[in-house]
Amino acid sequence: MSVDFFWRRVAGTSLDELSPKELGTLVPHWFDSEFKQLYEAGLVMAVERNGCLMHFALTAGGATSADVAELPVFGGEQRAWGKEVPEYGVVEMELWVLRPDEVRDASVFLRQVAVDDLVKDLDAAVAREVRSLGFATPWSQEWAADLVADLKELKDFFAAAAAAGDALIKFESA
C-alpha cells in the first residue's frame, strides 16, 4: 500500500475563486518541479504512507472534539471533479479544503497534542490499524518515530498557516 498525502497553503479567497480541479492543480506531488521550492518556503507539506495513520492517531487519541481532530487530515469540505484516465475512463478525484478559521481551530487542537505520548499510548492500536489497512511492512519502532516526526511537522505547518491566515488544500494520492 502506497498512499501519499499533501497539504498546500493558499490564500483563503482561493477556495471560493477556483474550481476543485484548479485547486487540485495547486497541490504539487513529489516530483513536480515546484515541490522543493514550495516545501522550503513552508507552503506545502507531504507524507508518505502516514496520512491515514496520522488521522487515526489524532482521532483515536481522546480528542475533546472529534470534528476538530479530523480537520488536520481528512476533515473539511470535500470537493470533487472528474479526471479522464485512459485505462479507467472518468475517475472522480477529490480533495479537502479548510478555511482560515478551520486552520486556526486545527492548529489550536494540534498545539495541545503531545505526539510522542500519543503514538506511544496508541502503539498496539496503530499496529492493528497497519495490519487492517494491508500495509506490506509491519508496524515498528522506526515507523513509530517517522509517524511522530510527521505529526510534529504537521503541528508546525498548521501553526504557520494559522499565523498567516491561510486556507489549506489537502490531497491524498494513491
N, C-alpha and C. Protein backbone atom coordinates (compact mmCIF):
# COMPACT_ATOMS: atom_id res chain seq x y z
N MET A 1 0.85 -1.17 0.00
CA MET A 1 0.00 0.00 0.00
C MET A 1 0.90 1.23 0.00
N SER A 2 0.69 2.11 -0.95
CA SER A 2 1.48 3.34 -1.01
C SER A 2 0.54 4.51 -1.24
N VAL A 3 0.27 5.24 -0.18
CA VAL A 3 -0.59 6.40 -0.27
C VAL A 3 0.18 7.59 0.29
N ASP A 4 0.21 8.65 -0.48
CA ASP A 4 0.88 9.88 -0.06
C ASP A 4 -0.18 10.92 0.23
N PHE A 5 0.14 11.84 1.12
CA PHE A 5 -0.80 12.89 1.48
C PHE A 5 -0.09 14.23 1.39
N PHE A 6 -0.77 15.22 0.80
CA PHE A 6 -0.19 16.54 0.56
C PHE A 6 -1.09 17.62 1.15
N TRP A 7 -0.47 18.62 1.76
CA TRP A 7 -1.16 19.81 2.25
C TRP A 7 -0.55 21.01 1.53
N ARG A 8 -1.39 21.96 1.12
CA ARG A 8 -0.88 23.17 0.45
C ARG A 8 -1.56 24.39 1.05
N ARG A 9 -0.76 25.34 1.50
CA ARG A 9 -1.28 26.61 1.99
C ARG A 9 -1.64 27.50 0.81
N VAL A 10 -2.79 28.17 0.91
CA VAL A 10 -3.23 29.12 -0.11
C VAL A 10 -3.96 30.27 0.57
N ALA A 11 -4.13 31.35 -0.17
CA ALA A 11 -4.95 32.45 0.33
C ALA A 11 -6.38 31.97 0.50
N GLY A 12 -7.04 32.40 1.55
CA GLY A 12 -8.40 31.95 1.82
C GLY A 12 -9.37 32.22 0.69
N THR A 13 -9.16 33.30 -0.05
CA THR A 13 -10.07 33.64 -1.15
C THR A 13 -10.00 32.63 -2.29
N SER A 14 -8.89 31.90 -2.40
CA SER A 14 -8.75 30.91 -3.47
C SER A 14 -9.82 29.84 -3.42
N LEU A 15 -10.28 29.51 -2.22
CA LEU A 15 -11.26 28.44 -2.08
C LEU A 15 -12.57 28.77 -2.77
N ASP A 16 -12.92 30.04 -2.85
CA ASP A 16 -14.16 30.45 -3.49
C ASP A 16 -13.96 30.84 -4.95
N GLU A 17 -12.75 31.19 -5.32
CA GLU A 17 -12.48 31.67 -6.67
C GLU A 17 -12.15 30.56 -7.66
N LEU A 18 -11.66 29.43 -7.18
CA LEU A 18 -11.18 28.37 -8.06
C LEU A 18 -12.05 27.12 -7.98
N SER A 19 -12.15 26.43 -9.11
CA SER A 19 -12.89 25.16 -9.15
C SER A 19 -12.09 24.09 -8.42
N PRO A 20 -12.73 22.96 -8.08
CA PRO A 20 -11.98 21.88 -7.44
C PRO A 20 -10.78 21.43 -8.27
N LYS A 21 -10.94 21.35 -9.59
CA LYS A 21 -9.83 20.93 -10.45
C LYS A 21 -8.69 21.95 -10.39
N GLU A 22 -9.03 23.24 -10.41
CA GLU A 22 -8.00 24.27 -10.33
C GLU A 22 -7.29 24.24 -8.98
N LEU A 23 -8.05 24.01 -7.91
CA LEU A 23 -7.43 23.88 -6.59
C LEU A 23 -6.48 22.68 -6.56
N GLY A 24 -6.92 21.58 -7.18
CA GLY A 24 -6.10 20.37 -7.23
C GLY A 24 -4.78 20.58 -7.94
N THR A 25 -4.77 21.44 -8.96
CA THR A 25 -3.52 21.70 -9.67
C THR A 25 -2.53 22.49 -8.83
N LEU A 26 -2.99 23.13 -7.77
CA LEU A 26 -2.09 23.88 -6.89
C LEU A 26 -1.30 22.98 -5.94
N VAL A 27 -1.74 21.74 -5.80
CA VAL A 27 -1.08 20.82 -4.87
C VAL A 27 -0.03 20.02 -5.65
N PRO A 28 1.24 20.31 -5.41
CA PRO A 28 2.28 19.58 -6.16
C PRO A 28 2.50 18.18 -5.59
N HIS A 29 3.07 17.34 -6.40
CA HIS A 29 3.46 15.99 -5.99
C HIS A 29 4.97 15.94 -5.88
N TRP A 30 5.49 14.86 -5.33
CA TRP A 30 6.92 14.73 -5.03
C TRP A 30 7.82 15.18 -6.17
N PHE A 31 7.53 14.78 -7.39
CA PHE A 31 8.46 15.01 -8.49
C PHE A 31 8.10 16.22 -9.34
N ASP A 32 7.12 17.00 -8.94
CA ASP A 32 6.80 18.23 -9.65
C ASP A 32 7.94 19.22 -9.46
N SER A 33 8.21 20.00 -10.48
CA SER A 33 9.35 20.91 -10.45
C SER A 33 9.26 21.94 -9.32
N GLU A 34 8.06 22.35 -8.94
CA GLU A 34 7.92 23.38 -7.92
C GLU A 34 7.84 22.82 -6.49
N PHE A 35 7.81 21.50 -6.33
CA PHE A 35 7.64 20.93 -5.00
C PHE A 35 8.72 21.39 -4.02
N LYS A 36 9.98 21.25 -4.39
CA LYS A 36 11.08 21.58 -3.48
C LYS A 36 11.01 23.03 -3.04
N GLN A 37 10.77 23.94 -3.96
CA GLN A 37 10.70 25.36 -3.63
C GLN A 37 9.54 25.65 -2.68
N LEU A 38 8.38 25.07 -2.96
CA LEU A 38 7.22 25.29 -2.10
C LEU A 38 7.43 24.68 -0.72
N TYR A 39 8.06 23.52 -0.67
CA TYR A 39 8.35 22.87 0.62
C TYR A 39 9.31 23.73 1.44
N GLU A 40 10.38 24.19 0.81
CA GLU A 40 11.36 25.01 1.51
C GLU A 40 10.76 26.33 1.99
N ALA A 41 9.76 26.84 1.26
CA ALA A 41 9.08 28.09 1.66
C ALA A 41 8.02 27.84 2.72
N GLY A 42 7.79 26.57 3.07
CA GLY A 42 6.79 26.24 4.09
C GLY A 42 5.36 26.30 3.58
N LEU A 43 5.18 26.24 2.26
CA LEU A 43 3.84 26.34 1.68
C LEU A 43 3.22 24.99 1.37
N VAL A 44 4.01 23.94 1.44
CA VAL A 44 3.49 22.61 1.18
C VAL A 44 4.13 21.63 2.17
N MET A 45 3.36 20.62 2.52
CA MET A 45 3.84 19.53 3.36
C MET A 45 3.34 18.24 2.73
N ALA A 46 4.14 17.20 2.85
CA ALA A 46 3.74 15.91 2.29
C ALA A 46 4.29 14.78 3.15
N VAL A 47 3.54 13.68 3.19
CA VAL A 47 3.99 12.49 3.91
C VAL A 47 3.74 11.27 3.04
N GLU A 48 4.64 10.30 3.20
CA GLU A 48 4.46 9.01 2.55
C GLU A 48 3.79 8.08 3.55
N ARG A 49 2.79 7.40 3.13
CA ARG A 49 2.04 6.34 3.82
C ARG A 49 1.45 6.72 5.17
N ASN A 50 1.86 7.79 5.82
CA ASN A 50 1.42 8.08 7.18
C ASN A 50 0.14 8.90 7.28
N GLY A 51 -0.40 9.39 6.19
CA GLY A 51 -1.59 10.22 6.27
C GLY A 51 -2.74 9.56 7.01
N CYS A 52 -3.05 8.33 6.66
CA CYS A 52 -4.17 7.64 7.32
C CYS A 52 -3.83 7.31 8.77
N LEU A 53 -2.56 7.05 9.07
CA LEU A 53 -2.17 6.77 10.46
C LEU A 53 -2.16 8.04 11.30
N MET A 54 -1.83 9.17 10.69
CA MET A 54 -1.89 10.44 11.40
C MET A 54 -3.35 10.71 11.78
N HIS A 55 -4.24 10.50 10.83
CA HIS A 55 -5.67 10.69 11.09
C HIS A 55 -6.15 9.75 12.20
N PHE A 56 -5.75 8.49 12.10
CA PHE A 56 -6.13 7.51 13.10
C PHE A 56 -5.65 7.95 14.49
N ALA A 57 -4.40 8.34 14.60
CA ALA A 57 -3.85 8.73 15.89
C ALA A 57 -4.56 9.96 16.45
N LEU A 58 -4.80 10.95 15.60
CA LEU A 58 -5.42 12.18 16.08
C LEU A 58 -6.87 11.98 16.49
N THR A 59 -7.57 11.10 15.81
CA THR A 59 -8.98 10.90 16.14
C THR A 59 -9.20 9.81 17.18
N ALA A 60 -8.23 8.93 17.38
CA ALA A 60 -8.37 7.86 18.36
C ALA A 60 -7.76 8.24 19.70
N GLY A 61 -7.09 9.37 19.74
CA GLY A 61 -6.33 9.73 20.92
C GLY A 61 -7.08 10.50 21.98
N GLY A 62 -8.40 10.38 22.02
CA GLY A 62 -9.16 11.04 23.07
C GLY A 62 -9.30 12.53 22.90
N ALA A 63 -9.38 12.99 21.67
CA ALA A 63 -9.54 14.42 21.40
C ALA A 63 -10.84 14.92 22.02
N THR A 64 -10.83 16.16 22.44
CA THR A 64 -12.03 16.74 23.05
C THR A 64 -13.14 16.93 22.04
N SER A 65 -12.78 17.17 20.80
CA SER A 65 -13.79 17.35 19.76
C SER A 65 -13.39 16.53 18.54
N ALA A 66 -14.15 15.50 18.23
CA ALA A 66 -13.83 14.65 17.08
C ALA A 66 -13.80 15.48 15.79
N ASP A 67 -14.68 16.46 15.67
CA ASP A 67 -14.71 17.28 14.47
C ASP A 67 -13.39 18.03 14.28
N VAL A 68 -12.89 18.61 15.34
CA VAL A 68 -11.62 19.34 15.25
C VAL A 68 -10.46 18.38 15.03
N ALA A 69 -10.49 17.23 15.65
CA ALA A 69 -9.42 16.25 15.48
C ALA A 69 -9.31 15.77 14.04
N GLU A 70 -10.41 15.75 13.31
CA GLU A 70 -10.38 15.31 11.92
C GLU A 70 -9.84 16.36 10.97
N LEU A 71 -9.88 17.63 11.35
CA LEU A 71 -9.50 18.70 10.44
C LEU A 71 -8.10 18.58 9.85
N PRO A 72 -7.07 18.25 10.61
CA PRO A 72 -5.73 18.24 10.02
C PRO A 72 -5.54 17.29 8.85
N VAL A 73 -6.24 16.17 8.83
CA VAL A 73 -6.01 15.21 7.75
C VAL A 73 -7.24 15.04 6.86
N PHE A 74 -8.30 14.44 7.35
CA PHE A 74 -9.44 14.14 6.48
C PHE A 74 -10.66 15.01 6.71
N GLY A 75 -10.57 15.99 7.59
CA GLY A 75 -11.71 16.87 7.83
C GLY A 75 -11.75 18.01 6.83
N GLY A 76 -12.85 18.74 6.87
CA GLY A 76 -13.01 19.88 5.99
C GLY A 76 -14.03 19.60 4.91
N GLU A 77 -14.17 20.55 4.05
CA GLU A 77 -15.13 20.44 2.94
C GLU A 77 -14.52 19.63 1.80
N GLN A 78 -15.23 18.60 1.37
CA GLN A 78 -14.76 17.81 0.23
C GLN A 78 -15.20 18.47 -1.07
N ARG A 79 -14.30 18.46 -2.02
CA ARG A 79 -14.60 18.96 -3.36
C ARG A 79 -14.12 17.90 -4.35
N ALA A 80 -14.92 17.68 -5.39
CA ALA A 80 -14.60 16.61 -6.34
C ALA A 80 -14.70 17.11 -7.77
N TRP A 81 -13.98 16.42 -8.66
CA TRP A 81 -14.05 16.67 -10.09
C TRP A 81 -13.71 15.38 -10.81
N GLY A 82 -14.06 15.28 -12.07
CA GLY A 82 -13.76 14.10 -12.85
C GLY A 82 -12.48 14.27 -13.64
N LYS A 83 -11.68 13.22 -13.71
CA LYS A 83 -10.43 13.24 -14.46
C LYS A 83 -10.42 12.05 -15.40
N GLU A 84 -10.12 12.29 -16.67
CA GLU A 84 -10.07 11.22 -17.67
C GLU A 84 -8.77 10.43 -17.50
N VAL A 85 -8.91 9.15 -17.24
CA VAL A 85 -7.77 8.24 -17.13
C VAL A 85 -7.95 7.17 -18.20
N PRO A 86 -7.01 7.10 -19.16
CA PRO A 86 -7.21 6.20 -20.31
C PRO A 86 -7.61 4.77 -19.96
N GLU A 87 -7.01 4.20 -18.92
CA GLU A 87 -7.30 2.80 -18.57
C GLU A 87 -8.66 2.62 -17.90
N TYR A 88 -9.19 3.68 -17.29
CA TYR A 88 -10.38 3.54 -16.46
C TYR A 88 -11.55 4.43 -16.86
N GLY A 89 -11.36 5.35 -17.77
CA GLY A 89 -12.41 6.31 -18.10
C GLY A 89 -12.33 7.50 -17.16
N VAL A 90 -13.48 8.04 -16.79
CA VAL A 90 -13.50 9.20 -15.91
C VAL A 90 -13.42 8.71 -14.46
N VAL A 91 -12.42 9.21 -13.75
CA VAL A 91 -12.20 8.84 -12.36
C VAL A 91 -12.49 10.07 -11.51
N GLU A 92 -13.22 9.88 -10.42
CA GLU A 92 -13.51 11.00 -9.53
C GLU A 92 -12.29 11.28 -8.66
N MET A 93 -11.86 12.52 -8.67
CA MET A 93 -10.77 12.99 -7.83
C MET A 93 -11.39 13.86 -6.75
N GLU A 94 -10.83 13.82 -5.57
CA GLU A 94 -11.37 14.68 -4.52
C GLU A 94 -10.24 15.22 -3.65
N LEU A 95 -10.54 16.34 -3.05
CA LEU A 95 -9.64 16.98 -2.11
C LEU A 95 -10.47 17.55 -0.98
N TRP A 96 -9.80 18.01 0.05
CA TRP A 96 -10.47 18.64 1.18
C TRP A 96 -9.92 20.05 1.30
N VAL A 97 -10.76 20.96 1.72
CA VAL A 97 -10.31 22.33 1.95
C VAL A 97 -10.68 22.78 3.35
N LEU A 98 -9.80 23.58 3.92
CA LEU A 98 -10.05 24.18 5.22
C LEU A 98 -9.95 25.69 5.08
N ARG A 99 -10.96 26.37 5.54
CA ARG A 99 -10.95 27.83 5.55
C ARG A 99 -10.03 28.30 6.68
N PRO A 100 -9.59 29.56 6.63
CA PRO A 100 -8.66 30.06 7.65
C PRO A 100 -9.12 29.83 9.09
N ASP A 101 -10.41 29.97 9.38
CA ASP A 101 -10.87 29.74 10.75
C ASP A 101 -10.74 28.27 11.14
N GLU A 102 -10.93 27.36 10.19
CA GLU A 102 -10.76 25.93 10.47
C GLU A 102 -9.28 25.59 10.66
N VAL A 103 -8.42 26.26 9.89
CA VAL A 103 -6.98 26.06 10.06
C VAL A 103 -6.56 26.50 11.46
N ARG A 104 -7.09 27.63 11.93
CA ARG A 104 -6.78 28.11 13.29
C ARG A 104 -7.28 27.11 14.33
N ASP A 105 -8.52 26.62 14.16
CA ASP A 105 -9.06 25.64 15.11
C ASP A 105 -8.19 24.37 15.15
N ALA A 106 -7.80 23.90 13.99
CA ALA A 106 -6.96 22.70 13.92
C ALA A 106 -5.60 22.96 14.56
N SER A 107 -5.04 24.14 14.35
CA SER A 107 -3.75 24.47 14.92
C SER A 107 -3.83 24.51 16.45
N VAL A 108 -4.89 25.09 16.98
CA VAL A 108 -5.08 25.12 18.43
C VAL A 108 -5.16 23.69 18.97
N PHE A 109 -5.93 22.85 18.28
CA PHE A 109 -6.03 21.44 18.69
C PHE A 109 -4.66 20.76 18.65
N LEU A 110 -3.94 20.91 17.52
CA LEU A 110 -2.65 20.24 17.36
C LEU A 110 -1.63 20.71 18.40
N ARG A 111 -1.68 21.98 18.76
CA ARG A 111 -0.75 22.53 19.74
C ARG A 111 -0.85 21.76 21.06
N GLN A 112 -2.03 21.24 21.37
CA GLN A 112 -2.26 20.55 22.64
C GLN A 112 -1.93 19.06 22.59
N VAL A 113 -1.61 18.55 21.42
CA VAL A 113 -1.34 17.12 21.26
C VAL A 113 0.13 16.84 21.53
N ALA A 114 0.39 16.01 22.52
CA ALA A 114 1.76 15.55 22.81
C ALA A 114 2.00 14.32 21.94
N VAL A 115 2.55 14.53 20.75
CA VAL A 115 2.59 13.46 19.76
C VAL A 115 3.44 12.28 20.18
N ASP A 116 4.53 12.53 20.91
CA ASP A 116 5.35 11.39 21.37
C ASP A 116 4.53 10.47 22.25
N ASP A 117 3.82 11.06 23.22
CA ASP A 117 2.99 10.27 24.13
C ASP A 117 1.82 9.63 23.39
N LEU A 118 1.22 10.38 22.46
CA LEU A 118 0.07 9.87 21.71
C LEU A 118 0.44 8.60 20.96
N VAL A 119 1.52 8.65 20.20
CA VAL A 119 1.93 7.48 19.40
C VAL A 119 2.34 6.33 20.31
N LYS A 120 3.02 6.64 21.40
CA LYS A 120 3.41 5.59 22.36
C LYS A 120 2.17 4.93 22.97
N ASP A 121 1.20 5.74 23.39
CA ASP A 121 -0.01 5.21 24.02
C ASP A 121 -0.86 4.39 23.05
N LEU A 122 -0.81 4.75 21.78
CA LEU A 122 -1.63 4.06 20.77
C LEU A 122 -0.87 2.97 20.01
N ASP A 123 0.31 2.61 20.49
CA ASP A 123 1.18 1.69 19.76
C ASP A 123 0.46 0.42 19.30
N ALA A 124 -0.21 -0.28 20.19
CA ALA A 124 -0.88 -1.53 19.82
C ALA A 124 -2.04 -1.26 18.85
N ALA A 125 -2.77 -0.18 19.08
CA ALA A 125 -3.90 0.16 18.20
C ALA A 125 -3.41 0.54 16.81
N VAL A 126 -2.30 1.27 16.74
CA VAL A 126 -1.75 1.63 15.42
C VAL A 126 -1.25 0.37 14.71
N ALA A 127 -0.64 -0.54 15.44
CA ALA A 127 -0.18 -1.81 14.83
C ALA A 127 -1.36 -2.56 14.22
N ARG A 128 -2.49 -2.60 14.95
CA ARG A 128 -3.69 -3.26 14.40
C ARG A 128 -4.19 -2.52 13.16
N GLU A 129 -4.15 -1.19 13.20
CA GLU A 129 -4.60 -0.39 12.06
C GLU A 129 -3.72 -0.64 10.84
N VAL A 130 -2.43 -0.73 11.04
CA VAL A 130 -1.49 -1.03 9.94
C VAL A 130 -1.85 -2.36 9.30
N ARG A 131 -2.11 -3.38 10.14
CA ARG A 131 -2.50 -4.70 9.60
C ARG A 131 -3.83 -4.63 8.87
N SER A 132 -4.81 -3.91 9.43
CA SER A 132 -6.14 -3.86 8.81
C SER A 132 -6.12 -3.10 7.49
N LEU A 133 -5.20 -2.16 7.35
CA LEU A 133 -5.09 -1.40 6.10
C LEU A 133 -4.30 -2.15 5.03
N GLY A 134 -3.68 -3.25 5.39
CA GLY A 134 -2.99 -4.09 4.42
C GLY A 134 -1.60 -3.61 4.04
N PHE A 135 -0.94 -2.88 4.92
CA PHE A 135 0.44 -2.47 4.62
C PHE A 135 1.32 -3.71 4.54
N ALA A 136 2.26 -3.72 3.61
CA ALA A 136 3.17 -4.85 3.46
C ALA A 136 4.22 -4.87 4.57
N THR A 137 4.56 -3.70 5.07
CA THR A 137 5.56 -3.57 6.12
C THR A 137 4.85 -3.57 7.48
N PRO A 138 5.32 -4.37 8.43
CA PRO A 138 4.70 -4.36 9.75
C PRO A 138 5.07 -3.10 10.54
N TRP A 139 4.21 -2.73 11.48
CA TRP A 139 4.44 -1.61 12.38
C TRP A 139 5.72 -1.87 13.17
N SER A 140 6.53 -0.85 13.35
CA SER A 140 7.80 -0.99 14.08
C SER A 140 8.10 0.29 14.84
N GLN A 141 9.11 0.25 15.68
CA GLN A 141 9.52 1.44 16.41
C GLN A 141 10.08 2.50 15.46
N GLU A 142 10.74 2.06 14.40
CA GLU A 142 11.24 3.01 13.40
C GLU A 142 10.07 3.73 12.72
N TRP A 143 9.03 2.99 12.39
CA TRP A 143 7.85 3.58 11.77
C TRP A 143 7.16 4.53 12.76
N ALA A 144 7.11 4.13 14.03
CA ALA A 144 6.52 4.99 15.06
C ALA A 144 7.28 6.32 15.13
N ALA A 145 8.60 6.28 15.04
CA ALA A 145 9.40 7.50 15.07
C ALA A 145 9.09 8.38 13.85
N ASP A 146 8.90 7.75 12.70
CA ASP A 146 8.53 8.50 11.48
C ASP A 146 7.16 9.16 11.65
N LEU A 147 6.22 8.44 12.25
CA LEU A 147 4.88 8.98 12.48
C LEU A 147 4.95 10.17 13.44
N VAL A 148 5.73 10.06 14.49
CA VAL A 148 5.91 11.17 15.43
C VAL A 148 6.49 12.37 14.70
N ALA A 149 7.51 12.15 13.89
CA ALA A 149 8.15 13.25 13.15
C ALA A 149 7.14 13.92 12.21
N ASP A 150 6.34 13.12 11.52
CA ASP A 150 5.33 13.68 10.61
C ASP A 150 4.28 14.49 11.38
N LEU A 151 3.86 13.99 12.53
CA LEU A 151 2.88 14.73 13.33
C LEU A 151 3.45 16.04 13.87
N LYS A 152 4.73 16.02 14.25
CA LYS A 152 5.37 17.26 14.71
C LYS A 152 5.46 18.27 13.57
N GLU A 153 5.82 17.80 12.40
CA GLU A 153 5.89 18.69 11.24
C GLU A 153 4.50 19.25 10.91
N LEU A 154 3.47 18.42 11.04
CA LEU A 154 2.11 18.86 10.79
C LEU A 154 1.71 19.97 11.77
N LYS A 155 2.08 19.81 13.03
CA LYS A 155 1.80 20.84 14.03
C LYS A 155 2.42 22.17 13.61
N ASP A 156 3.68 22.14 13.22
CA ASP A 156 4.39 23.36 12.81
C ASP A 156 3.78 23.95 11.54
N PHE A 157 3.42 23.09 10.61
CA PHE A 157 2.84 23.54 9.35
C PHE A 157 1.51 24.25 9.60
N PHE A 158 0.65 23.65 10.41
CA PHE A 158 -0.63 24.28 10.72
C PHE A 158 -0.45 25.57 11.51
N ALA A 159 0.52 25.61 12.42
CA ALA A 159 0.77 26.83 13.19
C ALA A 159 1.17 27.97 12.27
N ALA A 160 2.05 27.69 11.31
CA ALA A 160 2.48 28.73 10.37
C ALA A 160 1.33 29.18 9.48
N ALA A 161 0.52 28.22 9.01
CA ALA A 161 -0.64 28.57 8.16
C ALA A 161 -1.64 29.40 8.95
N ALA A 162 -1.89 29.03 10.19
CA ALA A 162 -2.84 29.77 11.03
C ALA A 162 -2.32 31.18 11.29
N ALA A 163 -1.04 31.32 11.59
CA ALA A 163 -0.46 32.64 11.87
C ALA A 163 -0.55 33.56 10.66
N ALA A 164 -0.47 32.97 9.46
CA ALA A 164 -0.54 33.76 8.23
C ALA A 164 -1.98 34.00 7.77
N GLY A 165 -2.95 33.33 8.40
CA GLY A 165 -4.34 33.46 7.99
C GLY A 165 -4.66 32.71 6.70
N ASP A 166 -3.88 31.67 6.42
CA ASP A 166 -4.06 30.90 5.18
C ASP A 166 -5.16 29.85 5.30
N ALA A 167 -5.65 29.47 4.14
CA ALA A 167 -6.52 28.30 3.98
C ALA A 167 -5.62 27.13 3.60
N LEU A 168 -6.17 25.90 3.62
CA LEU A 168 -5.40 24.73 3.21
C LEU A 168 -6.18 23.89 2.21
N ILE A 169 -5.43 23.34 1.28
CA ILE A 169 -5.95 22.32 0.36
C ILE A 169 -5.24 21.03 0.75
N LYS A 170 -6.00 19.94 0.83
CA LYS A 170 -5.41 18.66 1.21
C LYS A 170 -5.78 17.64 0.14
N PHE A 171 -4.79 16.80 -0.23
CA PHE A 171 -5.00 15.86 -1.31
C PHE A 171 -4.32 14.54 -0.99
N GLU A 172 -5.03 13.46 -1.19
CA GLU A 172 -4.47 12.10 -1.00
C GLU A 172 -4.22 11.49 -2.36
N SER A 173 -3.03 10.93 -2.53
CA SER A 173 -2.65 10.34 -3.81
C SER A 173 -2.24 8.88 -3.60
N ALA A 174 -2.94 7.98 -4.27
CA ALA A 174 -2.61 6.55 -4.15
C ALA A 174 -1.65 6.13 -5.23
